[in-house]
Amino acid sequence: MGGYDLAGLVQNATTWVLPVLFAITLHEAAHGFVAWRLGDNTAYMLGRVSFNPLRHIDPFGTVLLPALLLLSGTGFLFGYAKPVPVNFRNLNHPKRDMVWVALAGPGINIFLAIISALLLHLAVMLPPEISDFAGQTLFNSILLNIWLALFNMLPLPPLDGGRVAVGILPRPLALPLANLERYGMLILIGLIFLLPLLGRTIGLNLNILSWILGPASSYVLNVIAHLTGVMSIIGPGL
């Protein structure tokens, strides 16, 4: 039974390899590309303005961490690529352009989700022996890209949503939010790992991110499914 379960986990994990690779690395590539187009060549000079995923892989964050989470069967997936360096002071209009640079990452994730949904139409035409694998991989890509886009749009620096908020809020509100960046990763660790762990210990659901991102992800998934005409493929009860 244990070997069967392990085989099932490995088979499931293989359908996440390409979605994880492209969703995480192209998210960073988009930041660098938009920053370069808006006046900052920091990432360009380092060879990071590239949509070649291999240029952005972080061995732990892009490969090992997602693999461990998938094989553990926790049902939670998290990862990251090497951050693309951006010097916001070099941008043509730093406060405004910072918003566009930040939006580029979640934007390309939504784009990848839409492309993956459209490719589902082709996946169902493939021979049965590869159709199921291709379809599950594409569906995982849709889910992962939606989740990454929404997660990164949370209004907490250093997430993209935090930078967007800092860029559009008036200065008296933007400065305190910007100052939160030094504690941002600690807050995220608490939200992602510590609060859910505490909740399981005391018998309460303290997974705040699932409260926020769960309904939002379902809504965006439904919108993309209707726009791309794949509702009949992935099912109406989403």
C-alpha atoms as a PDB file:
ATOM      1  CA  MET A   1       0.000   0.000   0.000  1.00  0.00           C
ATOM      2  CA  GLY A   2       2.835   2.407   0.879  1.00  0.00           C
ATOM      3  CA  GLY A   3       4.533   1.789  -2.473  1.00  0.00           C
ATOM      4  CA  TYR A   4       1.236   2.373  -4.285  1.00  0.00           C
ATOM      5  CA  ASP A   5       0.688   5.634  -2.452  1.00  0.00           C
ATOM      6  CA  LEU A   6       4.222   6.780  -3.236  1.00  0.00           C
ATOM      7  CA  ALA A   7       3.743   5.937  -6.893  1.00  0.00           C
ATOM      8  CA  GLY A   8       0.539   7.948  -6.919  1.00  0.00           C
ATOM      9  CA  LEU A   9       2.256  10.930  -5.308  1.00  0.00           C
ATOM     10  CA  VAL A  10       5.110  10.796  -7.818  1.00  0.00           C
ATOM     11  CA  GLN A  11       2.679  10.545 -10.742  1.00  0.00           C
ATOM     12  CA  ASN A  12       0.708  13.515  -9.413  1.00  0.00           C
ATOM     13  CA  ALA A  13       3.925  15.466  -8.864  1.00  0.00           C
ATOM     14  CA  THR A  14       4.957  15.067 -12.509  1.00  0.00           C
ATOM     15  CA  THR A  15       1.854  16.979 -13.618  1.00  0.00           C
ATOM     16  CA  TRP A  16       3.057  19.948 -11.564  1.00  0.00           C
ATOM     17  CA  VAL A  17       6.649  20.137 -12.865  1.00  0.00           C
ATOM     18  CA  LEU A  18       6.047  22.349 -15.909  1.00  0.00           C
ATOM     19  CA  PRO A  19       3.346  24.523 -14.260  1.00  0.00           C
ATOM     20  CA  VAL A  20       5.668  25.281 -11.330  1.00  0.00           C
ATOM     21  CA  LEU A  21       8.673  25.924 -13.571  1.00  0.00           C
ATOM     22  CA  PHE A  22       6.919  28.375 -15.887  1.00  0.00           C
ATOM     23  CA  ALA A  23       4.594  30.075 -13.389  1.00  0.00           C
ATOM     24  CA  ILE A  24       7.333  30.938 -10.908  1.00  0.00           C
ATOM     25  CA  THR A  25      10.181  31.833 -13.266  1.00  0.00           C
ATOM     26  CA  LEU A  26       8.178  33.807 -15.838  1.00  0.00           C
ATOM     27  CA  HIS A  27       6.640  35.804 -12.995  1.00  0.00           C
ATOM     28  CA  GLU A  28      10.121  37.129 -12.201  1.00  0.00           C
ATOM     29  CA  ALA A  29      11.056  37.528 -15.864  1.00  0.00           C
ATOM     30  CA  ALA A  30       8.033  39.782 -16.382  1.00  0.00           C
ATOM     31  CA  HIS A  31       9.169  42.092 -13.588  1.00  0.00           C
ATOM     32  CA  GLY A  32      12.575  42.457 -15.205  1.00  0.00           C
ATOM     33  CA  PHE A  33      11.199  42.985 -18.698  1.00  0.00           C
ATOM     34  CA  VAL A  34       8.775  45.745 -17.688  1.00  0.00           C
ATOM     35  CA  ALA A  35      11.400  47.448 -15.517  1.00  0.00           C
ATOM     36  CA  TRP A  36      13.797  47.436 -18.482  1.00  0.00           C
ATOM     37  CA  ARG A  37      11.152  48.918 -20.776  1.00  0.00           C
ATOM     38  CA  LEU A  38      10.437  51.634 -18.202  1.00  0.00           C
ATOM     39  CA  GLY A  39      14.030  52.772 -17.771  1.00  0.00           C
ATOM     40  CA  ASP A  40      15.832  50.448 -15.340  1.00  0.00           C
ATOM     41  CA  ASN A  41      18.401  48.199 -17.020  1.00  0.00           C
ATOM     42  CA  THR A  42      19.642  46.539 -13.802  1.00  0.00           C
ATOM     43  CA  ALA A  43      18.079  43.163 -14.613  1.00  0.00           C
ATOM     44  CA  TYR A  44      18.975  43.496 -18.305  1.00  0.00           C
ATOM     45  CA  MET A  45      22.670  43.982 -17.531  1.00  0.00           C
ATOM     46  CA  LEU A  46      22.595  40.823 -15.409  1.00  0.00           C
ATOM     47  CA  GLY A  47      20.971  38.779 -18.174  1.00  0.00           C
ATOM     48  CA  ARG A  48      17.690  38.453 -16.297  1.00  0.00           C
ATOM     49  CA  VAL A  49      15.460  40.057 -18.939  1.00  0.00           C
ATOM     50  CA  SER A  50      14.778  36.684 -20.494  1.00  0.00           C
ATOM     51  CA  PHE A  51      11.771  34.392 -20.750  1.00  0.00           C
ATOM     52  CA  ASN A  52      14.100  31.380 -20.553  1.00  0.00           C
ATOM     53  CA  PRO A  53      13.001  29.787 -17.256  1.00  0.00           C
ATOM     54  CA  LEU A  54      16.476  28.383 -16.618  1.00  0.00           C
ATOM     55  CA  ARG A  55      17.841  31.892 -16.037  1.00  0.00           C
ATOM     56  CA  HIS A  56      15.532  32.415 -13.070  1.00  0.00           C
ATOM     57  CA  ILE A  57      15.568  29.044 -11.285  1.00  0.00           C
ATOM     58  CA  ASP A  58      16.446  29.051  -7.612  1.00  0.00           C
ATOM     59  CA  PRO A  59      17.595  25.488  -6.745  1.00  0.00           C
ATOM     60  CA  PHE A  60      15.762  25.458  -3.433  1.00  0.00           C
ATOM     61  CA  GLY A  61      12.784  27.735  -4.078  1.00  0.00           C
ATOM     62  CA  THR A  62      11.935  26.555  -7.602  1.00  0.00           C
ATOM     63  CA  VAL A  63      12.896  22.878  -7.392  1.00  0.00           C
ATOM     64  CA  LEU A  64      13.429  21.416  -3.927  1.00  0.00           C
ATOM     65  CA  LEU A  65      10.744  23.235  -1.920  1.00  0.00           C
ATOM     66  CA  PRO A  66       7.843  22.580  -4.358  1.00  0.00           C
ATOM     67  CA  ALA A  67       8.999  18.960  -4.761  1.00  0.00           C
ATOM     68  CA  LEU A  68       9.046  18.370  -1.014  1.00  0.00           C
ATOM     69  CA  LEU A  69       5.593  19.919  -0.590  1.00  0.00           C
ATOM     70  CA  LEU A  70       4.130  17.882  -3.455  1.00  0.00           C
ATOM     71  CA  LEU A  71       5.621  14.576  -2.304  1.00  0.00           C
ATOM     72  CA  SER A  72       4.555  15.222   1.290  1.00  0.00           C
ATOM     73  CA  GLY A  73       0.918  15.225   0.163  1.00  0.00           C
ATOM     74  CA  THR A  74       0.137  18.339   2.214  1.00  0.00           C
ATOM     75  CA  GLY A  75      -2.074  19.801  -0.522  1.00  0.00           C
ATOM     76  CA  PHE A  76      -0.177  23.104  -0.261  1.00  0.00           C
ATOM     77  CA  LEU A  77       2.239  24.341  -2.917  1.00  0.00           C
ATOM     78  CA  PHE A  78       4.669  27.197  -2.537  1.00  0.00           C
ATOM     79  CA  GLY A  79       7.834  28.235  -4.325  1.00  0.00           C
ATOM     80  CA  TYR A  80       9.879  31.115  -5.654  1.00  0.00           C
ATOM     81  CA  ALA A  81      12.475  31.994  -8.279  1.00  0.00           C
ATOM     82  CA  LYS A  82      15.581  34.124  -7.954  1.00  0.00           C
ATOM     83  CA  PRO A  83      14.259  37.674  -7.430  1.00  0.00           C
ATOM     84  CA  VAL A  84      14.874  39.972 -10.380  1.00  0.00           C
ATOM     85  CA  PRO A  85      16.789  43.058  -9.186  1.00  0.00           C
ATOM     86  CA  VAL A  86      14.990  46.324  -9.854  1.00  0.00           C
ATOM     87  CA  ASN A  87      16.318  49.784  -8.977  1.00  0.00           C
ATOM     88  CA  PHE A  88      13.106  51.776  -8.751  1.00  0.00           C
ATOM     89  CA  ARG A  89      15.042  55.071  -8.739  1.00  0.00           C
ATOM     90  CA  ASN A  90      16.132  54.365 -12.324  1.00  0.00           C
ATOM     91  CA  LEU A  91      12.557  54.133 -13.597  1.00  0.00           C
ATOM     92  CA  ASN A  92      11.284  56.980 -15.742  1.00  0.00           C
ATOM     93  CA  HIS A  93       8.548  57.813 -13.217  1.00  0.00           C
ATOM     94  CA  PRO A  94       9.520  55.830 -10.086  1.00  0.00           C
ATOM     95  CA  LYS A  95       6.258  55.959  -8.116  1.00  0.00           C
ATOM     96  CA  ARG A  96       4.001  55.299 -11.098  1.00  0.00           C
ATOM     97  CA  ASP A  97       6.260  52.825 -12.891  1.00  0.00           C
ATOM     98  CA  MET A  98       6.801  50.812  -9.708  1.00  0.00           C
ATOM     99  CA  VAL A  99       3.129  49.912  -9.949  1.00  0.00           C
ATOM    100  CA  TRP A 100       3.492  48.621 -13.528  1.00  0.00           C
ATOM    101  CA  VAL A 101       6.606  46.611 -12.651  1.00  0.00           C
ATOM    102  CA  ALA A 102       4.784  45.039  -9.709  1.00  0.00           C
ATOM    103  CA  LEU A 103       1.673  44.248 -11.762  1.00  0.00           C
ATOM    104  CA  ALA A 104       3.739  42.526 -14.453  1.00  0.00           C
ATOM    105  CA  GLY A 105       4.296  39.376 -12.364  1.00  0.00           C
ATOM    106  CA  PRO A 106       0.657  38.647 -11.470  1.00  0.00           C
ATOM    107  CA  GLY A 107      -0.314  39.814 -14.962  1.00  0.00           C
ATOM    108  CA  ILE A 108       1.760  37.155 -16.692  1.00  0.00           C
ATOM    109  CA  ASN A 109       0.400  34.517 -14.308  1.00  0.00           C
ATOM    110  CA  ILE A 110      -3.154  35.355 -15.393  1.00  0.00           C
ATOM    111  CA  PHE A 111      -1.977  35.297 -19.023  1.00  0.00           C
ATOM    112  CA  LEU A 112      -0.453  31.823 -18.495  1.00  0.00           C
ATOM    113  CA  ALA A 113      -3.690  30.641 -16.873  1.00  0.00           C
ATOM    114  CA  ILE A 114      -5.678  31.789 -19.918  1.00  0.00           C
ATOM    115  CA  ILE A 115      -3.221  30.181 -22.375  1.00  0.00           C
ATOM    116  CA  SER A 116      -3.335  26.933 -20.385  1.00  0.00           C
ATOM    117  CA  ALA A 117      -7.145  26.978 -20.501  1.00  0.00           C
ATOM    118  CA  LEU A 118      -7.128  27.490 -24.268  1.00  0.00           C
ATOM    119  CA  LEU A 119      -4.661  24.613 -24.708  1.00  0.00           C
ATOM    120  CA  LEU A 120      -7.112  22.312 -22.930  1.00  0.00           C
ATOM    121  CA  HIS A 121      -9.124  22.317 -26.165  1.00  0.00           C
ATOM    122  CA  LEU A 122      -6.134  20.681 -27.873  1.00  0.00           C
ATOM    123  CA  ALA A 123      -5.350  18.327 -24.978  1.00  0.00           C
ATOM    124  CA  VAL A 124      -8.696  16.537 -25.258  1.00  0.00           C
ATOM    125  CA  MET A 125      -7.933  15.772 -28.929  1.00  0.00           C
ATOM    126  CA  LEU A 126      -4.715  13.911 -28.107  1.00  0.00           C
ATOM    127  CA  PRO A 127      -4.465  10.116 -27.898  1.00  0.00           C
ATOM    128  CA  PRO A 128      -5.904   8.835 -24.584  1.00  0.00           C
ATOM    129  CA  GLU A 129      -2.533   7.691 -23.248  1.00  0.00           C
ATOM    130  CA  ILE A 130      -1.245  11.280 -23.161  1.00  0.00           C
ATOM    131  CA  SER A 131      -4.489  13.249 -23.121  1.00  0.00           C
ATOM    132  CA  ASP A 132      -5.113  12.698 -19.391  1.00  0.00           C
ATOM    133  CA  PHE A 133      -1.571  13.704 -18.451  1.00  0.00           C
ATOM    134  CA  ALA A 134      -1.621  16.790 -20.668  1.00  0.00           C
ATOM    135  CA  GLY A 135      -5.054  17.800 -19.441  1.00  0.00           C
ATOM    136  CA  GLN A 136      -4.122  17.444 -15.763  1.00  0.00           C
ATOM    137  CA  THR A 137      -0.886  19.374 -16.321  1.00  0.00           C
ATOM    138  CA  LEU A 138      -2.744  22.223 -18.014  1.00  0.00           C
ATOM    139  CA  PHE A 139      -5.443  22.269 -15.333  1.00  0.00           C
ATOM    140  CA  ASN A 140      -2.733  22.419 -12.647  1.00  0.00           C
ATOM    141  CA  SER A 141      -1.175  25.305 -14.567  1.00  0.00           C
ATOM    142  CA  ILE A 142      -4.472  27.187 -14.484  1.00  0.00           C
ATOM    143  CA  LEU A 143      -4.892  26.663 -10.745  1.00  0.00           C
ATOM    144  CA  LEU A 144      -1.287  27.480  -9.859  1.00  0.00           C
ATOM    145  CA  ASN A 145      -1.093  30.638 -11.953  1.00  0.00           C
ATOM    146  CA  ILE A 146      -4.375  31.949 -10.553  1.00  0.00           C
ATOM    147  CA  TRP A 147      -3.238  31.241  -7.010  1.00  0.00           C
ATOM    148  CA  LEU A 148       0.168  32.886  -7.541  1.00  0.00           C
ATOM    149  CA  ALA A 149      -1.403  35.961  -9.114  1.00  0.00           C
ATOM    150  CA  LEU A 150      -3.862  36.449  -6.252  1.00  0.00           C
ATOM    151  CA  PHE A 151      -1.337  35.605  -3.533  1.00  0.00           C
ATOM    152  CA  ASN A 152       1.154  38.110  -4.900  1.00  0.00           C
ATOM    153  CA  MET A 153      -1.526  40.795  -5.054  1.00  0.00           C
ATOM    154  CA  LEU A 154      -2.041  40.721  -1.288  1.00  0.00           C
ATOM    155  CA  PRO A 155      -1.332  44.315  -0.136  1.00  0.00           C
ATOM    156  CA  LEU A 156       1.724  43.443   1.924  1.00  0.00           C
ATOM    157  CA  PRO A 157       5.278  44.412   0.959  1.00  0.00           C
ATOM    158  CA  PRO A 158       7.411  42.770  -0.356  1.00  0.00           C
ATOM    159  CA  LEU A 159       4.592  41.125  -2.348  1.00  0.00           C
ATOM    160  CA  ASP A 160       3.590  42.782  -5.608  1.00  0.00           C
ATOM    161  CA  GLY A 161       0.273  43.924  -4.160  1.00  0.00           C
ATOM    162  CA  GLY A 162       2.150  45.748  -1.426  1.00  0.00           C
ATOM    163  CA  ARG A 163       4.232  47.627  -3.984  1.00  0.00           C
ATOM    164  CA  VAL A 164       1.107  48.477  -5.953  1.00  0.00           C
ATOM    165  CA  ALA A 165      -0.533  49.819  -2.807  1.00  0.00           C
ATOM    166  CA  VAL A 166       2.546  51.887  -1.926  1.00  0.00           C
ATOM    167  CA  GLY A 167       2.556  53.289  -5.463  1.00  0.00           C
ATOM    168  CA  ILE A 168      -1.082  54.372  -5.534  1.00  0.00           C
ATOM    169  CA  LEU A 169      -1.753  55.390  -1.924  1.00  0.00           C
ATOM    170  CA  PRO A 170      -1.172  58.965  -0.744  1.00  0.00           C
ATOM    171  CA  ARG A 171       2.162  59.487   0.982  1.00  0.00           C
ATOM    172  CA  PRO A 172       0.833  59.479   4.598  1.00  0.00           C
ATOM    173  CA  LEU A 173      -0.586  55.982   4.012  1.00  0.00           C
ATOM    174  CA  ALA A 174       2.108  54.703   1.655  1.00  0.00           C
ATOM    175  CA  LEU A 175       5.049  55.337   4.006  1.00  0.00           C
ATOM    176  CA  PRO A 176       3.816  53.210   6.940  1.00  0.00           C
ATOM    177  CA  LEU A 177       2.949  50.408   4.515  1.00  0.00           C
ATOM    178  CA  ALA A 178       6.369  50.618   2.874  1.00  0.00           C
ATOM    179  CA  ASN A 179       8.008  50.413   6.295  1.00  0.00           C
ATOM    180  CA  LEU A 180       6.283  47.067   6.837  1.00  0.00           C
ATOM    181  CA  GLU A 181       8.517  45.497   4.187  1.00  0.00           C
ATOM    182  CA  ARG A 182      11.224  44.632   6.724  1.00  0.00           C
ATOM    183  CA  TYR A 183       8.688  42.474   8.555  1.00  0.00           C
ATOM    184  CA  GLY A 184       6.851  41.250   5.460  1.00  0.00           C
ATOM    185  CA  MET A 185       8.477  37.826   5.208  1.00  0.00           C
ATOM    186  CA  LEU A 186       7.932  37.153   8.908  1.00  0.00           C
ATOM    187  CA  ILE A 187       4.258  38.051   8.532  1.00  0.00           C
ATOM    188  CA  LEU A 188       3.955  35.749   5.509  1.00  0.00           C
ATOM    189  CA  ILE A 189       5.615  32.849   7.332  1.00  0.00           C
ATOM    190  CA  GLY A 190       3.129  33.347  10.143  1.00  0.00           C
ATOM    191  CA  LEU A 191       0.173  33.405   7.751  1.00  0.00           C
ATOM    192  CA  ILE A 192       1.336  30.464   5.616  1.00  0.00           C
ATOM    193  CA  PHE A 193       2.735  28.088   8.226  1.00  0.00           C
ATOM    194  CA  LEU A 194       2.425  29.151  11.860  1.00  0.00           C
ATOM    195  CA  LEU A 195      -1.244  30.169  12.099  1.00  0.00           C
ATOM    196  CA  PRO A 196      -2.540  27.032  10.295  1.00  0.00           C
ATOM    197  CA  LEU A 197      -0.300  24.890  12.524  1.00  0.00           C
ATOM    198  CA  LEU A 198      -1.641  26.613  15.628  1.00  0.00           C
ATOM    199  CA  GLY A 199      -5.171  26.170  14.326  1.00  0.00           C
ATOM    200  CA  ARG A 200      -4.717  22.421  13.858  1.00  0.00           C
ATOM    201  CA  THR A 201      -3.332  22.185  17.379  1.00  0.00           C
ATOM    202  CA  ILE A 202      -6.322  23.879  18.994  1.00  0.00           C
ATOM    203  CA  GLY A 203      -8.926  22.555  16.573  1.00  0.00           C
ATOM    204  CA  LEU A 204      -9.678  25.777  14.707  1.00  0.00           C
ATOM    205  CA  ASN A 205      -9.312  26.795  11.078  1.00  0.00           C
ATOM    206  CA  LEU A 206      -6.812  29.656  11.226  1.00  0.00           C
ATOM    207  CA  ASN A 207      -5.744  29.400   7.586  1.00  0.00           C
ATOM    208  CA  ILE A 208      -6.466  33.040   6.824  1.00  0.00           C
ATOM    209  CA  LEU A 209      -5.008  32.796   3.327  1.00  0.00           C
ATOM    210  CA  SER A 210      -7.493  30.081   2.376  1.00  0.00           C
ATOM    211  CA  TRP A 211     -10.346  32.276   3.626  1.00  0.00           C
ATOM    212  CA  ILE A 212      -9.185  35.077   1.331  1.00  0.00           C
ATOM    213  CA  LEU A 213      -7.709  33.272  -1.668  1.00  0.00           C
ATOM    214  CA  GLY A 214     -10.090  30.309  -1.830  1.00  0.00           C
ATOM    215  CA  PRO A 215     -13.246  32.198  -2.897  1.00  0.00           C
ATOM    216  CA  ALA A 216     -11.227  34.626  -5.032  1.00  0.00           C
ATOM    217  CA  SER A 217      -9.462  31.758  -6.847  1.00  0.00           C
ATOM    218  CA  SER A 218     -12.767  30.008  -7.534  1.00  0.00           C
ATOM    219  CA  TYR A 219     -14.223  33.199  -8.963  1.00  0.00           C
ATOM    220  CA  VAL A 220     -11.256  33.866 -11.273  1.00  0.00           C
ATOM    221  CA  LEU A 221     -11.229  30.206 -12.361  1.00  0.00           C
ATOM    222  CA  ASN A 222     -14.872  30.420 -13.322  1.00  0.00           C
ATOM    223  CA  VAL A 223     -14.312  33.649 -15.267  1.00  0.00           C
ATOM    224  CA  ILE A 224     -11.387  32.151 -17.214  1.00  0.00           C
ATOM    225  CA  ALA A 225     -13.295  28.920 -17.840  1.00  0.00           C
ATOM    226  CA  HIS A 226     -16.238  30.825 -19.300  1.00  0.00           C
ATOM    227  CA  LEU A 227     -14.062  33.209 -21.348  1.00  0.00           C
ATOM    228  CA  THR A 228     -12.054  30.378 -22.900  1.00  0.00           C
ATOM    229  CA  GLY A 229     -14.992  28.027 -23.371  1.00  0.00           C
ATOM    230  CA  VAL A 230     -13.559  25.153 -21.298  1.00  0.00           C
ATOM    231  CA  MET A 231     -16.311  24.951 -18.698  1.00  0.00           C
ATOM    232  CA  SER A 232     -17.554  21.719 -20.266  1.00  0.00           C
ATOM    233  CA  ILE A 233     -14.029  20.260 -20.000  1.00  0.00           C
ATOM    234  CA  ILE A 234     -13.143  21.134 -16.402  1.00  0.00           C
ATOM    235  CA  GLY A 235     -16.679  20.807 -15.063  1.00  0.00           C
ATOM    236  CA  PRO A 236     -19.510  23.203 -14.177  1.00  0.00           C
ATOM    237  CA  GLY A 237     -19.347  22.758 -10.420  1.00  0.00           C
ATOM    238  CA  LEU A 238     -16.356  25.011  -9.797  1.00  0.00           C
END
